[in-house]
PDB file of N, CA and C in Angstrom:
ATOM      1  N   MET A   1      28.966 -20.688 -12.074  1.00  0.00           N
ATOM      2  CA  MET A   1      28.651 -19.565 -12.934  1.00  0.00           C
ATOM      3  C   MET A   1      27.182 -19.575 -13.333  1.00  0.00           C
ATOM      4  N   LYS A   2      26.676 -20.762 -13.713  1.00  0.00           N
ATOM      5  CA  LYS A   2      25.274 -20.835 -14.116  1.00  0.00           C
ATOM      6  C   LYS A   2      24.343 -20.541 -12.943  1.00  0.00           C
ATOM      7  N   SER A   3      24.722 -21.016 -11.757  1.00  0.00           N
ATOM      8  CA  SER A   3      23.852 -20.790 -10.599  1.00  0.00           C
ATOM      9  C   SER A   3      23.824 -19.307 -10.221  1.00  0.00           C
ATOM     10  N   SER A   4      24.935 -18.611 -10.377  1.00  0.00           N
ATOM     11  CA  SER A   4      24.935 -17.182 -10.048  1.00  0.00           C
ATOM     12  C   SER A   4      24.080 -16.397 -11.045  1.00  0.00           C
ATOM     13  N   ILE A   5      24.054 -16.818 -12.297  1.00  0.00           N
ATOM     14  CA  ILE A   5      23.198 -16.158 -13.284  1.00  0.00           C
ATOM     15  C   ILE A   5      21.734 -16.415 -12.962  1.00  0.00           C
ATOM     16  N   ARG A   6      21.417 -17.628 -12.537  1.00  0.00           N
ATOM     17  CA  ARG A   6      20.032 -17.949 -12.166  1.00  0.00           C
ATOM     18  C   ARG A   6      19.590 -17.147 -10.951  1.00  0.00           C
ATOM     19  N   ILE A   7      20.461 -17.040  -9.965  1.00  0.00           N
ATOM     20  CA  ILE A   7      20.125 -16.274  -8.760  1.00  0.00           C
ATOM     21  C   ILE A   7      19.935 -14.797  -9.116  1.00  0.00           C
ATOM     22  N   PHE A   8      20.805 -14.267  -9.955  1.00  0.00           N
ATOM     23  CA  PHE A   8      20.678 -12.874 -10.381  1.00  0.00           C
ATOM     24  C   PHE A   8      19.370 -12.654 -11.133  1.00  0.00           C
ATOM     25  N   THR A   9      19.035 -13.572 -12.032  1.00  0.00           N
ATOM     26  CA  THR A   9      17.799 -13.455 -12.808  1.00  0.00           C
ATOM     27  C   THR A   9      16.579 -13.557 -11.905  1.00  0.00           C
ATOM     28  N   LEU A  10      16.619 -14.463 -10.947  1.00  0.00           N
ATOM     29  CA  LEU A  10      15.511 -14.601 -10.004  1.00  0.00           C
ATOM     30  C   LEU A  10      15.352 -13.335  -9.163  1.00  0.00           C
ATOM     31  N   GLY A  11      16.458 -12.782  -8.688  1.00  0.00           N
ATOM     32  CA  GLY A  11      16.402 -11.537  -7.921  1.00  0.00           C
ATOM     33  C   GLY A  11      15.855 -10.385  -8.736  1.00  0.00           C
ATOM     34  N   LEU A  12      16.255 -10.324  -9.994  1.00  0.00           N
ATOM     35  CA  LEU A  12      15.746  -9.286 -10.882  1.00  0.00           C
ATOM     36  C   LEU A  12      14.247  -9.434 -11.110  1.00  0.00           C
ATOM     37  N   ALA A  13      13.789 -10.676 -11.260  1.00  0.00           N
ATOM     38  CA  ALA A  13      12.359 -10.927 -11.458  1.00  0.00           C
ATOM     39  C   ALA A  13      11.560 -10.542 -10.216  1.00  0.00           C
ATOM     40  N   VAL A  14      12.081 -10.848  -9.044  1.00  0.00           N
ATOM     41  CA  VAL A  14      11.387 -10.493  -7.796  1.00  0.00           C
ATOM     42  C   VAL A  14      11.303  -8.978  -7.655  1.00  0.00           C
ATOM     43  N   MET A  15      12.385  -8.277  -7.961  1.00  0.00           N
ATOM     44  CA  MET A  15      12.354  -6.814  -7.892  1.00  0.00           C
ATOM     45  C   MET A  15      11.361  -6.241  -8.893  1.00  0.00           C
ATOM     46  N   TRP A  16      11.288  -6.814 -10.083  1.00  0.00           N
ATOM     47  CA  TRP A  16      10.361  -6.341 -11.103  1.00  0.00           C
ATOM     48  C   TRP A  16       8.918  -6.498 -10.630  1.00  0.00           C
ATOM     49  N   VAL A  17       8.604  -7.639 -10.002  1.00  0.00           N
ATOM     50  CA  VAL A  17       7.246  -7.871  -9.504  1.00  0.00           C
ATOM     51  C   VAL A  17       6.914  -6.878  -8.398  1.00  0.00           C
ATOM     52  N   CYS A  18       7.860  -6.611  -7.506  1.00  0.00           N
ATOM     53  CA  CYS A  18       7.612  -5.649  -6.421  1.00  0.00           C
ATOM     54  C   CYS A  18       7.372  -4.247  -6.973  1.00  0.00           C
ATOM     55  N   PHE A  19       8.175  -3.820  -7.925  1.00  0.00           N
ATOM     56  CA  PHE A  19       7.989  -2.489  -8.503  1.00  0.00           C
ATOM     57  C   PHE A  19       6.710  -2.409  -9.323  1.00  0.00           C
ATOM     58  N   ALA A  20       6.384  -3.468 -10.033  1.00  0.00           N
ATOM     59  CA  ALA A  20       5.167  -3.471 -10.848  1.00  0.00           C
ATOM     60  C   ALA A  20       3.931  -3.394  -9.960  1.00  0.00           C
ATOM     61  N   GLY A  21       3.999  -3.953  -8.767  1.00  0.00           N
ATOM     62  CA  GLY A  21       2.877  -3.880  -7.842  1.00  0.00           C
ATOM     63  C   GLY A  21       2.707  -2.502  -7.233  1.00  0.00           C
ATOM     64  N   ALA A  22       3.769  -1.717  -7.189  1.00  0.00           N
ATOM     65  CA  ALA A  22       3.698  -0.396  -6.565  1.00  0.00           C
ATOM     66  C   ALA A  22       3.241   0.690  -7.532  1.00  0.00           C
ATOM     67  N   PHE A  23       3.544   0.555  -8.805  1.00  0.00           N
ATOM     68  CA  PHE A  23       3.266   1.637  -9.745  1.00  0.00           C
ATOM     69  C   PHE A  23       1.807   1.817 -10.132  1.00  0.00           C
ATOM     70  N   PRO A  24       0.944   0.795 -10.176  1.00  0.00           N
ATOM     71  CA  PRO A  24      -0.458   1.076 -10.507  1.00  0.00           C
ATOM     72  C   PRO A  24      -1.114   2.036  -9.520  1.00  0.00           C
ATOM     73  N   ALA A  25      -0.713   1.991  -8.264  1.00  0.00           N
ATOM     74  CA  ALA A  25      -1.278   2.920  -7.290  1.00  0.00           C
ATOM     75  C   ALA A  25      -0.853   4.353  -7.597  1.00  0.00           C
ATOM     76  N   LEU A  26       0.330   4.524  -8.128  1.00  0.00           N
ATOM     77  CA  LEU A  26       0.799   5.863  -8.472  1.00  0.00           C
ATOM     78  C   LEU A  26       0.190   6.365  -9.775  1.00  0.00           C
ATOM     79  N   ALA A  27      -0.246   5.459 -10.626  1.00  0.00           N
ATOM     80  CA  ALA A  27      -0.754   5.839 -11.938  1.00  0.00           C
ATOM     81  C   ALA A  27      -2.203   6.318 -11.904  1.00  0.00           C
ATOM     82  N   GLN A  28      -2.911   6.081 -10.810  1.00  0.00           N
ATOM     83  CA  GLN A  28      -4.303   6.498 -10.731  1.00  0.00           C
ATOM     84  C   GLN A  28      -4.371   8.019 -10.702  1.00  0.00           C
ATOM     85  N   ASN A  29      -5.229   8.569 -11.533  1.00  0.00           N
ATOM     86  CA  ASN A  29      -5.374  10.015 -11.609  1.00  0.00           C
ATOM     87  C   ASN A  29      -6.783  10.381 -11.165  1.00  0.00           C
ATOM     88  N   ASN A  30      -6.914  10.794  -9.939  1.00  0.00           N
ATOM     89  CA  ASN A  30      -8.206  11.222  -9.403  1.00  0.00           C
ATOM     90  C   ASN A  30      -8.225  12.742  -9.328  1.00  0.00           C
ATOM     91  N   ASP A  31      -9.393  13.314  -9.579  1.00  0.00           N
ATOM     92  CA  ASP A  31      -9.516  14.763  -9.484  1.00  0.00           C
ATOM     93  C   ASP A  31      -9.479  15.236  -8.035  1.00  0.00           C
ATOM     94  N   GLU A  32     -10.026  14.442  -7.144  1.00  0.00           N
ATOM     95  CA  GLU A  32     -10.031  14.823  -5.740  1.00  0.00           C
ATOM     96  C   GLU A  32      -8.903  14.089  -5.013  1.00  0.00           C
ATOM     97  N   PRO A  33      -8.266  14.747  -4.060  1.00  0.00           N
ATOM     98  CA  PRO A  33      -7.181  14.081  -3.339  1.00  0.00           C
ATOM     99  C   PRO A  33      -7.730  12.943  -2.472  1.00  0.00           C
ATOM    100  N   ALA A  34      -6.977  11.884  -2.360  1.00  0.00           N
ATOM    101  CA  ALA A  34      -7.401  10.729  -1.571  1.00  0.00           C
ATOM    102  C   ALA A  34      -7.282  11.045  -0.083  1.00  0.00           C
ATOM    103  N   LYS A  35      -8.217  10.512   0.680  1.00  0.00           N
ATOM    104  CA  LYS A  35      -8.166  10.694   2.121  1.00  0.00           C
ATOM    105  C   LYS A  35      -7.128   9.739   2.703  1.00  0.00           C
ATOM    106  N   PRO A  36      -6.397  10.183   3.700  1.00  0.00           N
ATOM    107  CA  PRO A  36      -5.484   9.261   4.373  1.00  0.00           C
ATOM    108  C   PRO A  36      -6.278   8.158   5.066  1.00  0.00           C
ATOM    109  N   LYS A  37      -5.711   6.964   5.152  1.00  0.00           N
ATOM    110  CA  LYS A  37      -6.383   5.842   5.794  1.00  0.00           C
ATOM    111  C   LYS A  37      -5.703   5.519   7.112  1.00  0.00           C
ATOM    112  N   ILE A  38      -6.527   5.209   8.100  1.00  0.00           N
ATOM    113  CA  ILE A  38      -6.039   4.807   9.413  1.00  0.00           C
ATOM    114  C   ILE A  38      -6.574   3.411   9.680  1.00  0.00           C
ATOM    115  N   GLY A  39      -5.699   2.478  10.014  1.00  0.00           N
ATOM    116  CA  GLY A  39      -6.122   1.116  10.332  1.00  0.00           C
ATOM    117  C   GLY A  39      -6.191   0.921  11.837  1.00  0.00           C
ATOM    118  N   VAL A  40      -7.334   0.440  12.318  1.00  0.00           N
ATOM    119  CA  VAL A  40      -7.531   0.199  13.744  1.00  0.00           C
ATOM    120  C   VAL A  40      -8.026  -1.228  13.910  1.00  0.00           C
ATOM    121  N   THR A  41      -7.450  -1.975  14.859  1.00  0.00           N
ATOM    122  CA  THR A  41      -7.778  -3.391  14.983  1.00  0.00           C
ATOM    123  C   THR A  41      -8.860  -3.692  16.012  1.00  0.00           C
ATOM    124  N   LEU A  42      -8.999  -2.898  17.027  1.00  0.00           N
ATOM    125  CA  LEU A  42      -9.994  -3.173  18.067  1.00  0.00           C
ATOM    126  C   LEU A  42     -11.176  -2.219  17.927  1.00  0.00           C
ATOM    127  N   HIS A  43     -12.385  -2.758  18.082  1.00  0.00           N
ATOM    128  CA  HIS A  43     -13.589  -1.968  17.828  1.00  0.00           C
ATOM    129  C   HIS A  43     -13.731  -0.738  18.730  1.00  0.00           C
ATOM    130  N   PRO A  44     -13.444  -0.816  20.029  1.00  0.00           N
ATOM    131  CA  PRO A  44     -13.569   0.416  20.836  1.00  0.00           C
ATOM    132  C   PRO A  44     -12.647   1.533  20.340  1.00  0.00           C
ATOM    133  N   TYR A  45     -11.436   1.169  19.935  1.00  0.00           N
ATOM    134  CA  TYR A  45     -10.515   2.173  19.403  1.00  0.00           C
ATOM    135  C   TYR A  45     -10.992   2.677  18.048  1.00  0.00           C
ATOM    136  N   TYR A  46     -11.588   1.788  17.250  1.00  0.00           N
ATOM    137  CA  TYR A  46     -12.132   2.184  15.949  1.00  0.00           C
ATOM    138  C   TYR A  46     -13.189   3.268  16.143  1.00  0.00           C
ATOM    139  N   SER A  47     -14.120   3.044  17.067  1.00  0.00           N
ATOM    140  CA  SER A  47     -15.186   4.021  17.308  1.00  0.00           C
ATOM    141  C   SER A  47     -14.615   5.346  17.807  1.00  0.00           C
ATOM    142  N   TRP A  48     -13.648   5.259  18.688  1.00  0.00           N
ATOM    143  CA  TRP A  48     -13.032   6.451  19.259  1.00  0.00           C
ATOM    144  C   TRP A  48     -12.325   7.262  18.175  1.00  0.00           C
ATOM    145  N   VAL A  49     -11.518   6.582  17.351  1.00  0.00           N
ATOM    146  CA  VAL A  49     -10.789   7.265  16.281  1.00  0.00           C
ATOM    147  C   VAL A  49     -11.760   7.813  15.246  1.00  0.00           C
ATOM    148  N   ARG A  50     -12.795   7.044  14.910  1.00  0.00           N
ATOM    149  CA  ARG A  50     -13.781   7.480  13.912  1.00  0.00           C
ATOM    150  C   ARG A  50     -14.492   8.757  14.371  1.00  0.00           C
ATOM    151  N   ASN A  51     -14.806   8.842  15.660  1.00  0.00           N
ATOM    152  CA  ASN A  51     -15.455  10.044  16.191  1.00  0.00           C
ATOM    153  C   ASN A  51     -14.517  11.250  16.173  1.00  0.00           C
ATOM    154  N   ILE A  52     -13.241  11.022  16.366  1.00  0.00           N
ATOM    155  CA  ILE A  52     -12.286  12.130  16.388  1.00  0.00           C
ATOM    156  C   ILE A  52     -12.028  12.669  14.984  1.00  0.00           C
ATOM    157  N   VAL A  53     -11.750  11.777  14.020  1.00  0.00           N
ATOM    158  CA  VAL A  53     -11.363  12.252  12.684  1.00  0.00           C
ATOM    159  C   VAL A  53     -12.553  12.616  11.823  1.00  0.00           C
ATOM    160  N   GLY A  54     -13.726  12.092  12.114  1.00  0.00           N
ATOM    161  CA  GLY A  54     -14.917  12.418  11.330  1.00  0.00           C
ATOM    162  C   GLY A  54     -14.789  11.934   9.903  1.00  0.00           C
ATOM    163  N   ASP A  55     -15.090  12.822   8.949  1.00  0.00           N
ATOM    164  CA  ASP A  55     -15.017  12.419   7.544  1.00  0.00           C
ATOM    165  C   ASP A  55     -13.744  12.924   6.862  1.00  0.00           C
ATOM    166  N   LYS A  56     -12.786  13.408   7.652  1.00  0.00           N
ATOM    167  CA  LYS A  56     -11.534  13.898   7.078  1.00  0.00           C
ATOM    168  C   LYS A  56     -10.594  12.762   6.680  1.00  0.00           C
ATOM    169  N   MET A  57     -10.742  11.589   7.315  1.00  0.00           N
ATOM    170  CA  MET A  57      -9.897  10.432   7.032  1.00  0.00           C
ATOM    171  C   MET A  57     -10.756   9.181   6.969  1.00  0.00           C
ATOM    172  N   ASP A  58     -10.256   8.162   6.274  1.00  0.00           N
ATOM    173  CA  ASP A  58     -10.926   6.864   6.233  1.00  0.00           C
ATOM    174  C   ASP A  58     -10.373   5.990   7.343  1.00  0.00           C
ATOM    175  N   VAL A  59     -11.256   5.495   8.190  1.00  0.00           N
ATOM    176  CA  VAL A  59     -10.850   4.587   9.258  1.00  0.00           C
ATOM    177  C   VAL A  59     -11.237   3.185   8.827  1.00  0.00           C
ATOM    178  N   VAL A  60     -10.250   2.313   8.801  1.00  0.00           N
ATOM    179  CA  VAL A  60     -10.478   0.947   8.321  1.00  0.00           C
ATOM    180  C   VAL A  60     -10.302  -0.019   9.465  1.00  0.00           C
TER     181      VAL A  60
END
């Protein structure tokens, strides 16, 4: 019984940390809409994608 309460409490704490990490991003209030981000791992593809999207999106 005690171990099931500990497991439940630990699971609840993990869920709380996950939700707390997600909400600050939602709480930001910017006047201008954020640009979508595109992640590219190889430099030739980065240059190619950057040339296509221009300044409409952030290429990371």
